[in-house]
């Protein structure tokens, strides 16, 4: 009986995700290299505020049989959305890298890192720069996935590329997610009209 070489779902997914690298610079991988990525270790690292990015990260982790790592600041961002926006704006303006709660124990074991985060103020959250600065991503392929509130990716891809200059990048995934600002404002407006808001 002849042996067939049927690719696994993971290999097919990785091949299609990493194929755009073949059209890039000299640091890009060839289609054959991309296909072989299916045999190497994958990490899905993500930062989330509302849990939406966690949902996508979990899906990627399951479908790609990848390890999962949540990027968390040592001191959590405020629970209040507007306080978080203010803090993140100040961090970005000061070029501040907030300390991480933890780092990936053995990043060297991974060839590909799916990096997920929401877009804050048309950019990557400062904690993402902290994560990228905390470890060596040289030679690794970073595949970004992002949620935004309707304003697109802003400069987030440039921020990630500058923070990990020795990494290779594959075309990522982005979609408009639930906009927390709009939701918060609309709920508060409704509460005020209904006279339900506590003083």
N, C-alpha and C. Protein backbone atom coordinates (compact mmCIF):
# COMPACT_ATOMS: atom_id res chain seq x y z
N UNK A 1 0.85 -1.17 0.00
CA UNK A 1 0.00 0.00 0.00
C UNK A 1 0.89 1.23 0.00
N UNK A 2 0.65 2.17 -0.90
CA UNK A 2 1.48 3.38 -1.02
C UNK A 2 1.19 4.33 0.13
N UNK A 3 2.27 4.94 0.63
CA UNK A 3 2.12 5.91 1.71
C UNK A 3 1.66 7.24 1.12
N UNK A 4 0.73 7.88 1.78
CA UNK A 4 0.31 9.21 1.35
C UNK A 4 0.80 10.21 2.37
N UNK A 5 1.13 11.37 1.88
CA UNK A 5 1.62 12.43 2.76
C UNK A 5 0.54 13.49 2.88
N UNK A 6 -0.47 13.20 3.69
CA UNK A 6 -1.57 14.13 3.89
C UNK A 6 -1.22 15.10 5.00
N UNK A 7 -1.21 16.41 4.68
CA UNK A 7 -0.88 17.39 5.71
C UNK A 7 -1.97 17.46 6.77
N UNK A 8 -1.58 17.75 7.99
CA UNK A 8 -2.54 17.91 9.08
C UNK A 8 -3.19 19.28 8.95
N UNK A 9 -4.28 19.47 9.67
CA UNK A 9 -4.96 20.77 9.67
C UNK A 9 -4.00 21.86 10.14
N UNK A 10 -3.19 21.56 11.14
CA UNK A 10 -2.22 22.52 11.67
C UNK A 10 -1.23 22.92 10.58
N UNK A 11 -0.73 21.95 9.82
CA UNK A 11 0.24 22.24 8.76
C UNK A 11 -0.38 23.11 7.67
N UNK A 12 -1.62 22.82 7.32
CA UNK A 12 -2.30 23.61 6.29
C UNK A 12 -2.51 25.03 6.78
N UNK A 13 -2.98 25.20 8.02
CA UNK A 13 -3.19 26.54 8.57
C UNK A 13 -1.89 27.33 8.63
N UNK A 14 -0.83 26.69 9.11
CA UNK A 14 0.46 27.39 9.23
C UNK A 14 1.00 27.76 7.85
N UNK A 15 0.85 26.89 6.89
CA UNK A 15 1.34 27.17 5.53
C UNK A 15 0.65 28.40 4.96
N UNK A 16 -0.67 28.45 5.09
CA UNK A 16 -1.40 29.58 4.52
C UNK A 16 -1.15 30.86 5.28
N UNK A 17 -0.90 30.78 6.57
CA UNK A 17 -0.62 31.98 7.36
C UNK A 17 0.77 32.52 7.09
N UNK A 18 1.73 31.64 6.88
CA UNK A 18 3.11 32.07 6.72
C UNK A 18 3.52 32.27 5.27
N UNK A 19 2.68 31.88 4.32
CA UNK A 19 3.02 32.04 2.92
C UNK A 19 3.33 33.47 2.52
N UNK A 20 2.63 34.51 3.06
CA UNK A 20 2.97 35.88 2.66
C UNK A 20 4.41 36.26 2.96
N UNK A 21 5.06 35.56 3.85
CA UNK A 21 6.47 35.85 4.14
C UNK A 21 7.35 35.59 2.92
N UNK A 22 6.93 34.66 2.09
CA UNK A 22 7.73 34.31 0.92
C UNK A 22 7.85 35.47 -0.06
N UNK A 23 6.90 36.37 -0.02
CA UNK A 23 6.92 37.52 -0.93
C UNK A 23 7.66 38.71 -0.33
N UNK A 24 8.14 38.59 0.90
CA UNK A 24 8.79 39.70 1.60
C UNK A 24 10.27 39.81 1.31
N UNK A 25 10.99 40.27 2.31
CA UNK A 25 12.43 40.53 2.16
C UNK A 25 13.24 39.24 2.20
N UNK A 26 14.57 39.42 2.22
CA UNK A 26 15.47 38.27 2.27
C UNK A 26 15.27 37.47 3.55
N UNK A 27 14.75 38.11 4.59
CA UNK A 27 14.52 37.42 5.86
C UNK A 27 13.25 36.58 5.82
N UNK A 28 12.50 36.65 4.73
CA UNK A 28 11.25 35.90 4.62
C UNK A 28 11.55 34.42 4.37
N UNK A 29 10.56 33.61 4.67
CA UNK A 29 10.71 32.17 4.44
C UNK A 29 10.09 31.80 3.10
N UNK A 30 10.53 30.70 2.53
CA UNK A 30 9.97 30.22 1.28
C UNK A 30 8.69 29.45 1.58
N UNK A 31 7.89 29.17 0.56
CA UNK A 31 6.69 28.37 0.79
C UNK A 31 7.01 27.00 1.41
N UNK A 32 8.12 26.40 1.01
CA UNK A 32 8.49 25.09 1.58
C UNK A 32 8.82 25.24 3.06
N UNK A 33 9.53 26.32 3.40
CA UNK A 33 9.84 26.58 4.81
C UNK A 33 8.56 26.81 5.60
N UNK A 34 7.64 27.57 5.00
CA UNK A 34 6.38 27.86 5.67
C UNK A 34 5.62 26.57 5.96
N UNK A 35 5.60 25.67 5.00
CA UNK A 35 4.90 24.40 5.20
C UNK A 35 5.52 23.59 6.32
N UNK A 36 6.85 23.65 6.43
CA UNK A 36 7.52 22.87 7.47
C UNK A 36 7.33 23.47 8.85
N UNK A 37 6.84 24.72 8.92
CA UNK A 37 6.59 25.34 10.22
C UNK A 37 5.57 24.54 11.02
N UNK A 38 4.75 23.74 10.32
CA UNK A 38 3.73 22.97 11.01
C UNK A 38 4.31 21.99 12.02
N UNK A 39 5.58 21.63 11.89
CA UNK A 39 6.21 20.68 12.80
C UNK A 39 6.89 21.37 13.98
N UNK A 40 6.96 22.69 13.96
CA UNK A 40 7.70 23.41 15.00
C UNK A 40 6.75 23.97 16.05
N UNK A 41 7.32 24.37 17.17
CA UNK A 41 6.50 24.85 18.29
C UNK A 41 5.95 26.24 18.03
N UNK A 42 4.69 26.42 18.40
CA UNK A 42 4.00 27.69 18.21
C UNK A 42 3.54 28.19 19.57
N UNK A 43 3.66 29.50 19.75
CA UNK A 43 3.17 30.16 20.95
C UNK A 43 2.12 31.19 20.55
N UNK A 44 1.03 31.22 21.28
CA UNK A 44 0.03 32.28 21.13
C UNK A 44 0.14 33.14 22.39
N UNK A 45 0.66 34.35 22.23
CA UNK A 45 0.81 35.29 23.35
C UNK A 45 -0.18 36.43 23.12
N UNK A 46 -0.88 36.82 24.17
CA UNK A 46 -1.91 37.84 23.98
C UNK A 46 -2.05 38.71 25.22
N UNK A 47 -2.50 39.94 24.97
CA UNK A 47 -2.89 40.87 26.04
C UNK A 47 -4.34 41.22 25.79
N UNK A 48 -5.12 41.24 26.86
CA UNK A 48 -6.54 41.57 26.72
C UNK A 48 -6.97 42.46 27.87
N UNK A 49 -7.93 43.29 27.60
CA UNK A 49 -8.52 44.11 28.65
C UNK A 49 -9.92 43.61 28.96
N UNK A 50 -10.70 43.39 27.90
CA UNK A 50 -12.11 43.02 28.07
C UNK A 50 -12.37 41.53 27.90
N UNK A 51 -11.37 40.79 27.42
CA UNK A 51 -11.54 39.35 27.20
C UNK A 51 -11.75 38.98 25.75
N UNK A 52 -11.98 39.97 24.87
CA UNK A 52 -12.23 39.66 23.45
C UNK A 52 -11.00 39.05 22.78
N UNK A 53 -9.83 39.60 23.05
CA UNK A 53 -8.60 39.07 22.45
C UNK A 53 -8.31 37.67 22.98
N UNK A 54 -8.68 37.42 24.23
CA UNK A 54 -8.51 36.08 24.82
C UNK A 54 -9.31 35.04 24.04
N UNK A 55 -10.48 35.40 23.58
CA UNK A 55 -11.33 34.48 22.81
C UNK A 55 -10.62 34.04 21.54
N UNK A 56 -10.05 35.01 20.81
CA UNK A 56 -9.33 34.69 19.57
C UNK A 56 -8.09 33.87 19.89
N UNK A 57 -7.37 34.25 20.95
CA UNK A 57 -6.16 33.52 21.35
C UNK A 57 -6.47 32.06 21.66
N UNK A 58 -7.56 31.84 22.37
CA UNK A 58 -7.96 30.47 22.70
C UNK A 58 -8.28 29.65 21.46
N UNK A 59 -8.96 30.26 20.51
CA UNK A 59 -9.28 29.60 19.25
C UNK A 59 -8.01 29.23 18.49
N UNK A 60 -7.08 30.17 18.38
CA UNK A 60 -5.81 29.90 17.70
C UNK A 60 -5.04 28.77 18.40
N UNK A 61 -4.99 28.85 19.72
CA UNK A 61 -4.27 27.84 20.50
C UNK A 61 -4.84 26.44 20.25
N UNK A 62 -6.15 26.33 20.24
CA UNK A 62 -6.79 25.02 20.01
C UNK A 62 -6.55 24.54 18.58
N UNK A 63 -6.80 25.41 17.60
CA UNK A 63 -6.71 24.98 16.20
C UNK A 63 -5.28 24.72 15.75
N UNK A 64 -4.32 25.41 16.32
CA UNK A 64 -2.92 25.23 15.93
C UNK A 64 -2.15 24.33 16.89
N UNK A 65 -2.84 23.83 17.92
CA UNK A 65 -2.19 23.03 18.96
C UNK A 65 -0.97 23.77 19.51
N UNK A 66 -1.19 25.04 19.82
CA UNK A 66 -0.12 25.92 20.28
C UNK A 66 -0.23 26.18 21.77
N UNK A 67 0.90 26.52 22.38
CA UNK A 67 0.90 26.92 23.78
C UNK A 67 0.31 28.33 23.89
N UNK A 68 -0.24 28.62 25.06
CA UNK A 68 -0.93 29.89 25.29
C UNK A 68 -0.25 30.65 26.43
N UNK A 69 -0.04 31.95 26.24
CA UNK A 69 0.58 32.79 27.27
C UNK A 69 -0.14 34.13 27.32
N UNK A 70 -0.64 34.49 28.52
CA UNK A 70 -1.28 35.80 28.68
C UNK A 70 -0.26 36.83 29.13
N UNK A 71 -0.16 37.92 28.38
CA UNK A 71 0.72 39.04 28.71
C UNK A 71 -0.03 39.91 29.72
N UNK A 72 0.55 40.05 30.91
CA UNK A 72 -0.11 40.83 31.96
C UNK A 72 0.88 41.81 32.58
N UNK A 73 0.42 43.03 32.88
CA UNK A 73 1.30 43.97 33.58
C UNK A 73 1.44 43.56 35.05
N UNK A 74 2.58 43.90 35.65
CA UNK A 74 2.80 43.58 37.07
C UNK A 74 1.72 44.23 37.93
N UNK A 75 1.36 45.45 37.57
CA UNK A 75 0.27 46.15 38.23
C UNK A 75 -0.86 46.27 37.21
N UNK A 76 -2.00 45.65 37.48
CA UNK A 76 -3.08 45.66 36.50
C UNK A 76 -3.53 47.09 36.14
N UNK A 77 -3.98 47.23 34.92
CA UNK A 77 -4.56 48.52 34.51
C UNK A 77 -5.84 48.74 35.30
N UNK A 78 -6.26 50.00 35.46
CA UNK A 78 -7.50 50.27 36.22
C UNK A 78 -8.71 49.57 35.61
N UNK A 79 -9.67 49.25 36.45
CA UNK A 79 -10.90 48.62 35.98
C UNK A 79 -11.71 49.59 35.14
N UNK A 80 -11.64 50.87 35.46
CA UNK A 80 -12.39 51.89 34.73
C UNK A 80 -11.75 52.12 33.36
N UNK A 81 -12.55 52.04 32.31
CA UNK A 81 -12.06 52.17 30.95
C UNK A 81 -11.34 53.50 30.72
N UNK A 82 -11.96 54.60 31.14
CA UNK A 82 -11.38 55.92 30.89
C UNK A 82 -10.08 56.13 31.66
N UNK A 83 -9.98 55.56 32.86
CA UNK A 83 -8.73 55.63 33.62
C UNK A 83 -7.63 54.85 32.91
N UNK A 84 -7.99 53.72 32.31
CA UNK A 84 -7.02 52.93 31.55
C UNK A 84 -6.54 53.70 30.33
N UNK A 85 -7.47 54.35 29.62
CA UNK A 85 -7.10 55.15 28.45
C UNK A 85 -6.11 56.25 28.86
N UNK A 86 -6.39 56.91 29.95
CA UNK A 86 -5.50 57.98 30.43
C UNK A 86 -4.12 57.43 30.79
N UNK A 87 -4.09 56.32 31.51
CA UNK A 87 -2.81 55.73 31.91
C UNK A 87 -2.01 55.29 30.68
N UNK A 88 -2.66 54.63 29.74
CA UNK A 88 -1.97 54.16 28.53
C UNK A 88 -1.43 55.33 27.71
N UNK A 89 -2.19 56.42 27.64
CA UNK A 89 -1.75 57.61 26.91
C UNK A 89 -0.49 58.18 27.56
N UNK A 90 -0.49 58.28 28.88
CA UNK A 90 0.69 58.78 29.59
C UNK A 90 1.89 57.87 29.39
N UNK A 91 1.68 56.57 29.46
CA UNK A 91 2.78 55.61 29.24
C UNK A 91 3.36 55.76 27.84
N UNK A 92 2.49 55.90 26.86
CA UNK A 92 2.95 56.03 25.47
C UNK A 92 3.72 57.34 25.27
N UNK A 93 3.20 58.43 25.82
CA UNK A 93 3.85 59.73 25.67
C UNK A 93 5.22 59.77 26.34
N UNK A 94 5.37 59.06 27.45
CA UNK A 94 6.65 59.02 28.18
C UNK A 94 7.56 57.90 27.68
N UNK A 95 7.06 57.10 26.71
CA UNK A 95 7.80 55.95 26.20
C UNK A 95 8.11 54.96 27.33
N UNK A 96 7.17 54.85 28.25
CA UNK A 96 7.31 54.00 29.43
C UNK A 96 6.96 52.55 29.09
N UNK A 97 7.77 51.63 29.58
CA UNK A 97 7.50 50.21 29.42
C UNK A 97 7.03 49.65 30.76
N UNK A 98 5.73 49.41 30.91
CA UNK A 98 5.25 48.88 32.19
C UNK A 98 5.83 47.50 32.48
N UNK A 99 6.22 47.25 33.73
CA UNK A 99 6.77 45.93 34.07
C UNK A 99 5.74 44.82 33.85
N UNK A 100 6.26 43.66 33.48
CA UNK A 100 5.41 42.49 33.23
C UNK A 100 5.23 41.66 34.49
N UNK A 101 4.09 41.02 34.60
CA UNK A 101 3.85 40.08 35.70
C UNK A 101 4.73 38.84 35.53
N UNK A 102 4.93 38.41 34.29
CA UNK A 102 5.74 37.22 33.99
C UNK A 102 6.22 37.29 32.56
N UNK A 103 7.25 36.49 32.25
CA UNK A 103 7.72 36.37 30.87
C UNK A 103 7.61 34.90 30.45
N UNK A 104 7.74 34.66 29.18
CA UNK A 104 7.69 33.28 28.66
C UNK A 104 8.94 32.56 29.14
N UNK A 105 8.78 31.42 29.80
CA UNK A 105 9.91 30.70 30.38
C UNK A 105 10.96 30.27 29.37
N UNK A 106 10.54 29.76 28.23
CA UNK A 106 11.50 29.24 27.26
C UNK A 106 11.12 29.68 25.85
N UNK A 107 11.23 30.98 25.59
CA UNK A 107 10.86 31.51 24.28
C UNK A 107 11.69 30.89 23.17
N UNK A 108 12.93 30.48 23.48
CA UNK A 108 13.82 29.89 22.47
C UNK A 108 13.21 28.63 21.86
N UNK A 109 12.29 27.98 22.54
CA UNK A 109 11.69 26.74 22.05
C UNK A 109 10.67 26.99 20.93
N UNK A 110 10.28 28.24 20.74
CA UNK A 110 9.22 28.55 19.77
C UNK A 110 9.80 29.18 18.51
N UNK A 111 9.24 28.78 17.37
CA UNK A 111 9.64 29.34 16.08
C UNK A 111 8.69 30.43 15.63
N UNK A 112 7.42 30.28 15.99
CA UNK A 112 6.38 31.22 15.57
C UNK A 112 5.61 31.69 16.79
N UNK A 113 5.38 33.01 16.84
CA UNK A 113 4.62 33.60 17.94
C UNK A 113 3.45 34.38 17.35
N UNK A 114 2.25 33.92 17.64
CA UNK A 114 1.06 34.69 17.32
C UNK A 114 0.90 35.70 18.45
N UNK A 115 0.86 36.98 18.11
CA UNK A 115 0.85 38.05 19.11
C UNK A 115 -0.45 38.84 19.01
N UNK A 116 -1.28 38.72 20.03
CA UNK A 116 -2.59 39.36 20.00
C UNK A 116 -2.72 40.48 21.01
N UNK A 117 -3.39 41.54 20.59
CA UNK A 117 -3.65 42.66 21.48
C UNK A 117 -4.71 43.58 20.87
N UNK A 118 -5.42 44.33 21.73
CA UNK A 118 -6.36 45.33 21.21
C UNK A 118 -5.58 46.57 20.77
N UNK A 119 -6.15 47.34 19.87
CA UNK A 119 -5.56 48.61 19.46
C UNK A 119 -6.03 49.68 20.43
N UNK A 120 -5.07 50.35 21.04
CA UNK A 120 -5.38 51.43 21.99
C UNK A 120 -4.85 52.74 21.41
N UNK A 121 -5.73 53.72 21.24
CA UNK A 121 -5.29 55.03 20.76
C UNK A 121 -4.56 54.93 19.43
N UNK A 122 -5.05 54.10 18.53
CA UNK A 122 -4.46 53.90 17.20
C UNK A 122 -3.03 53.36 17.28
N UNK A 123 -2.74 52.57 18.30
CA UNK A 123 -1.40 52.01 18.46
C UNK A 123 -1.45 50.72 19.28
N UNK A 124 -0.29 50.12 19.45
CA UNK A 124 -0.18 48.94 20.32
C UNK A 124 -0.13 49.41 21.77
N UNK A 125 -0.76 48.71 22.70
CA UNK A 125 -0.65 49.08 24.10
C UNK A 125 0.81 49.04 24.57
N UNK A 126 1.21 49.93 25.48
CA UNK A 126 2.60 49.95 25.96
C UNK A 126 3.09 48.60 26.48
N UNK A 127 2.19 47.80 27.05
CA UNK A 127 2.59 46.50 27.61
C UNK A 127 3.11 45.56 26.51
N UNK A 128 2.70 45.77 25.26
CA UNK A 128 3.19 44.95 24.15
C UNK A 128 4.66 45.26 23.88
N UNK A 129 5.01 46.53 23.93
CA UNK A 129 6.43 46.89 23.77
C UNK A 129 7.25 46.30 24.92
N UNK A 130 6.70 46.29 26.13
CA UNK A 130 7.39 45.67 27.28
C UNK A 130 7.64 44.19 27.00
N UNK A 131 6.62 43.50 26.50
CA UNK A 131 6.74 42.07 26.21
C UNK A 131 7.82 41.82 25.17
N UNK A 132 7.81 42.59 24.10
CA UNK A 132 8.78 42.39 23.02
C UNK A 132 10.19 42.76 23.46
N UNK A 133 10.31 43.76 24.32
CA UNK A 133 11.63 44.18 24.80
C UNK A 133 12.20 43.22 25.84
N UNK A 134 11.33 42.41 26.45
CA UNK A 134 11.76 41.55 27.56
C UNK A 134 12.48 40.29 27.10
N UNK A 135 12.37 39.95 25.81
CA UNK A 135 12.93 38.69 25.34
C UNK A 135 13.50 38.83 23.93
N UNK A 136 14.24 37.85 23.49
CA UNK A 136 14.89 37.89 22.19
C UNK A 136 14.00 37.21 21.14
N UNK A 137 13.51 38.00 20.18
CA UNK A 137 12.66 37.48 19.13
C UNK A 137 13.41 37.31 17.80
N UNK A 138 14.73 37.38 17.85
CA UNK A 138 15.54 37.26 16.63
C UNK A 138 15.24 35.93 15.93
N UNK A 139 14.94 36.01 14.64
CA UNK A 139 14.69 34.82 13.83
C UNK A 139 13.33 34.20 14.00
N UNK A 140 12.53 34.70 14.91
CA UNK A 140 11.18 34.16 15.11
C UNK A 140 10.21 34.85 14.16
N UNK A 141 9.15 34.15 13.82
CA UNK A 141 8.10 34.73 12.99
C UNK A 141 6.99 35.20 13.91
N UNK A 142 6.63 36.47 13.81
CA UNK A 142 5.54 37.04 14.60
C UNK A 142 4.34 37.23 13.68
N UNK A 143 3.20 36.70 14.12
CA UNK A 143 1.95 36.83 13.39
C UNK A 143 0.98 37.61 14.27
N UNK A 144 0.76 38.90 13.98
CA UNK A 144 -0.13 39.69 14.85
C UNK A 144 -1.60 39.40 14.60
N UNK A 145 -2.40 39.51 15.67
CA UNK A 145 -3.85 39.47 15.52
C UNK A 145 -4.43 40.51 16.47
N UNK A 146 -5.35 41.31 15.94
CA UNK A 146 -5.79 42.48 16.68
C UNK A 146 -7.28 42.75 16.55
N UNK A 147 -7.81 43.36 17.59
CA UNK A 147 -9.17 43.90 17.59
C UNK A 147 -9.05 45.42 17.72
N UNK A 148 -9.90 46.14 17.00
CA UNK A 148 -9.89 47.59 17.11
C UNK A 148 -11.33 48.09 17.19
N UNK A 149 -11.48 49.32 17.60
CA UNK A 149 -12.81 49.88 17.79
C UNK A 149 -13.35 50.61 16.58
N UNK A 150 -12.86 50.29 15.40
CA UNK A 150 -13.38 50.92 14.20
C UNK A 150 -12.41 51.89 13.55
N UNK A 151 -11.28 52.12 14.18
CA UNK A 151 -10.31 53.09 13.65
C UNK A 151 -9.12 52.40 12.98
N UNK A 152 -9.17 51.10 12.83
CA UNK A 152 -8.09 50.38 12.16
C UNK A 152 -6.90 50.11 13.06
N UNK A 153 -5.79 49.74 12.43
CA UNK A 153 -4.59 49.32 13.15
C UNK A 153 -3.69 50.47 13.57
N UNK A 154 -3.92 51.67 13.04
CA UNK A 154 -3.04 52.79 13.38
C UNK A 154 -1.60 52.46 13.07
N UNK A 155 -0.70 52.78 13.99
CA UNK A 155 0.73 52.49 13.79
C UNK A 155 1.18 51.23 14.52
N UNK A 156 0.24 50.39 14.91
CA UNK A 156 0.57 49.23 15.76
C UNK A 156 1.57 48.29 15.12
N UNK A 157 1.46 48.04 13.81
CA UNK A 157 2.40 47.14 13.14
C UNK A 157 3.81 47.72 13.17
N UNK A 158 3.94 49.04 12.96
CA UNK A 158 5.26 49.69 13.03
C UNK A 158 5.85 49.60 14.43
N UNK A 159 5.00 49.80 15.45
CA UNK A 159 5.46 49.73 16.84
C UNK A 159 6.02 48.34 17.13
N UNK A 160 5.30 47.30 16.70
CA UNK A 160 5.75 45.92 16.94
C UNK A 160 7.05 45.65 16.18
N UNK A 161 7.12 46.08 14.93
CA UNK A 161 8.33 45.85 14.13
C UNK A 161 9.54 46.57 14.72
N UNK A 162 9.36 47.76 15.25
CA UNK A 162 10.46 48.50 15.88
C UNK A 162 10.89 47.86 17.19
N UNK A 163 9.93 47.28 17.91
CA UNK A 163 10.24 46.65 19.20
C UNK A 163 10.90 45.28 19.04
N UNK A 164 10.72 44.65 17.89
CA UNK A 164 11.32 43.34 17.62
C UNK A 164 11.97 43.37 16.24
N UNK A 165 13.04 44.16 16.07
CA UNK A 165 13.62 44.37 14.73
C UNK A 165 14.24 43.14 14.08
N UNK A 166 14.60 42.14 14.87
CA UNK A 166 15.24 40.95 14.31
C UNK A 166 14.24 39.84 13.98
N UNK A 167 12.96 40.10 14.24
CA UNK A 167 11.92 39.11 13.96
C UNK A 167 11.46 39.23 12.51
N UNK A 168 10.82 38.17 12.04
CA UNK A 168 10.16 38.18 10.73
C UNK A 168 8.67 38.32 11.01
N UNK A 169 7.95 38.89 10.07
CA UNK A 169 6.53 39.13 10.28
C UNK A 169 5.69 38.53 9.17
N UNK A 170 4.60 37.89 9.56
CA UNK A 170 3.63 37.37 8.60
C UNK A 170 2.41 38.28 8.65
N UNK A 171 1.65 38.26 7.57
CA UNK A 171 0.43 39.06 7.54
C UNK A 171 -0.48 38.60 8.67
N UNK A 172 -1.00 39.55 9.40
CA UNK A 172 -1.82 39.21 10.56
C UNK A 172 -3.31 39.26 10.29
N UNK A 173 -4.04 39.26 11.37
CA UNK A 173 -5.50 39.27 11.34
C UNK A 173 -5.96 40.46 12.15
N UNK A 174 -6.95 41.19 11.64
CA UNK A 174 -7.53 42.31 12.38
C UNK A 174 -9.02 42.37 12.11
N UNK A 175 -9.75 42.76 13.13
CA UNK A 175 -11.19 42.94 12.96
C UNK A 175 -11.69 43.97 13.96
N UNK A 176 -12.81 44.56 13.62
CA UNK A 176 -13.43 45.50 14.54
C UNK A 176 -14.13 44.70 15.62
N UNK A 177 -13.84 45.05 16.86
CA UNK A 177 -14.46 44.38 17.98
C UNK A 177 -15.43 45.30 18.68
N UNK A 178 -16.03 44.81 19.71
CA UNK A 178 -16.92 45.62 20.54
C UNK A 178 -16.14 46.82 21.05
N UNK A 179 -16.66 48.02 20.82
CA UNK A 179 -15.94 49.21 21.26
C UNK A 179 -16.35 49.55 22.68
N UNK A 180 -15.40 49.40 23.60
CA UNK A 180 -15.70 49.58 25.01
C UNK A 180 -16.11 51.01 25.32
N UNK A 181 -15.46 51.99 24.68
CA UNK A 181 -15.79 53.39 24.94
C UNK A 181 -17.25 53.66 24.58
N UNK A 182 -17.64 53.26 23.38
CA UNK A 182 -19.01 53.51 22.92
C UNK A 182 -20.00 52.79 23.83
N UNK A 183 -19.70 51.53 24.16
CA UNK A 183 -20.59 50.76 25.03
C UNK A 183 -20.74 51.43 26.38
N UNK A 184 -19.61 51.83 26.99
CA UNK A 184 -19.64 52.48 28.30
C UNK A 184 -20.47 53.76 28.26
N UNK A 185 -20.21 54.59 27.25
CA UNK A 185 -20.95 55.85 27.15
C UNK A 185 -22.44 55.62 26.96
N UNK A 186 -22.81 54.66 26.11
CA UNK A 186 -24.23 54.40 25.86
C UNK A 186 -24.93 53.83 27.08
N UNK A 187 -24.27 52.93 27.81
CA UNK A 187 -24.87 52.36 29.01
C UNK A 187 -25.04 53.44 30.07
N UNK A 188 -24.02 54.29 30.25
CA UNK A 188 -24.13 55.37 31.25
C UNK A 188 -25.21 56.38 30.88
N UNK A 189 -25.34 56.66 29.59
CA UNK A 189 -26.39 57.57 29.13
C UNK A 189 -27.76 56.98 29.43
N UNK A 190 -27.91 55.68 29.15
CA UNK A 190 -29.17 55.01 29.44
C UNK A 190 -29.48 55.03 30.94
N UNK A 191 -28.46 54.74 31.75
CA UNK A 191 -28.67 54.74 33.20
C UNK A 191 -29.08 56.12 33.70
N UNK A 192 -28.43 57.16 33.16
CA UNK A 192 -28.75 58.53 33.57
C UNK A 192 -30.19 58.88 33.20
N UNK A 193 -30.61 58.52 31.99
CA UNK A 193 -31.97 58.80 31.55
C UNK A 193 -32.99 58.04 32.38
N UNK A 194 -32.63 56.81 32.74
CA UNK A 194 -33.56 55.98 33.51
C UNK A 194 -33.48 56.26 35.00
N UNK A 195 -32.58 57.18 35.38
CA UNK A 195 -32.37 57.53 36.80
C UNK A 195 -32.02 56.31 37.64
N UNK A 196 -31.24 55.40 37.03
CA UNK A 196 -30.84 54.18 37.73
C UNK A 196 -29.42 54.24 38.29
N UNK A 197 -28.66 55.24 37.87
CA UNK A 197 -27.25 55.31 38.27
C UNK A 197 -27.14 55.71 39.74
N UNK A 198 -26.31 54.95 40.47
CA UNK A 198 -26.13 55.29 41.90
C UNK A 198 -25.22 56.50 42.00
N UNK A 199 -25.46 57.30 42.98
CA UNK A 199 -24.66 58.51 43.19
C UNK A 199 -23.40 58.21 43.96
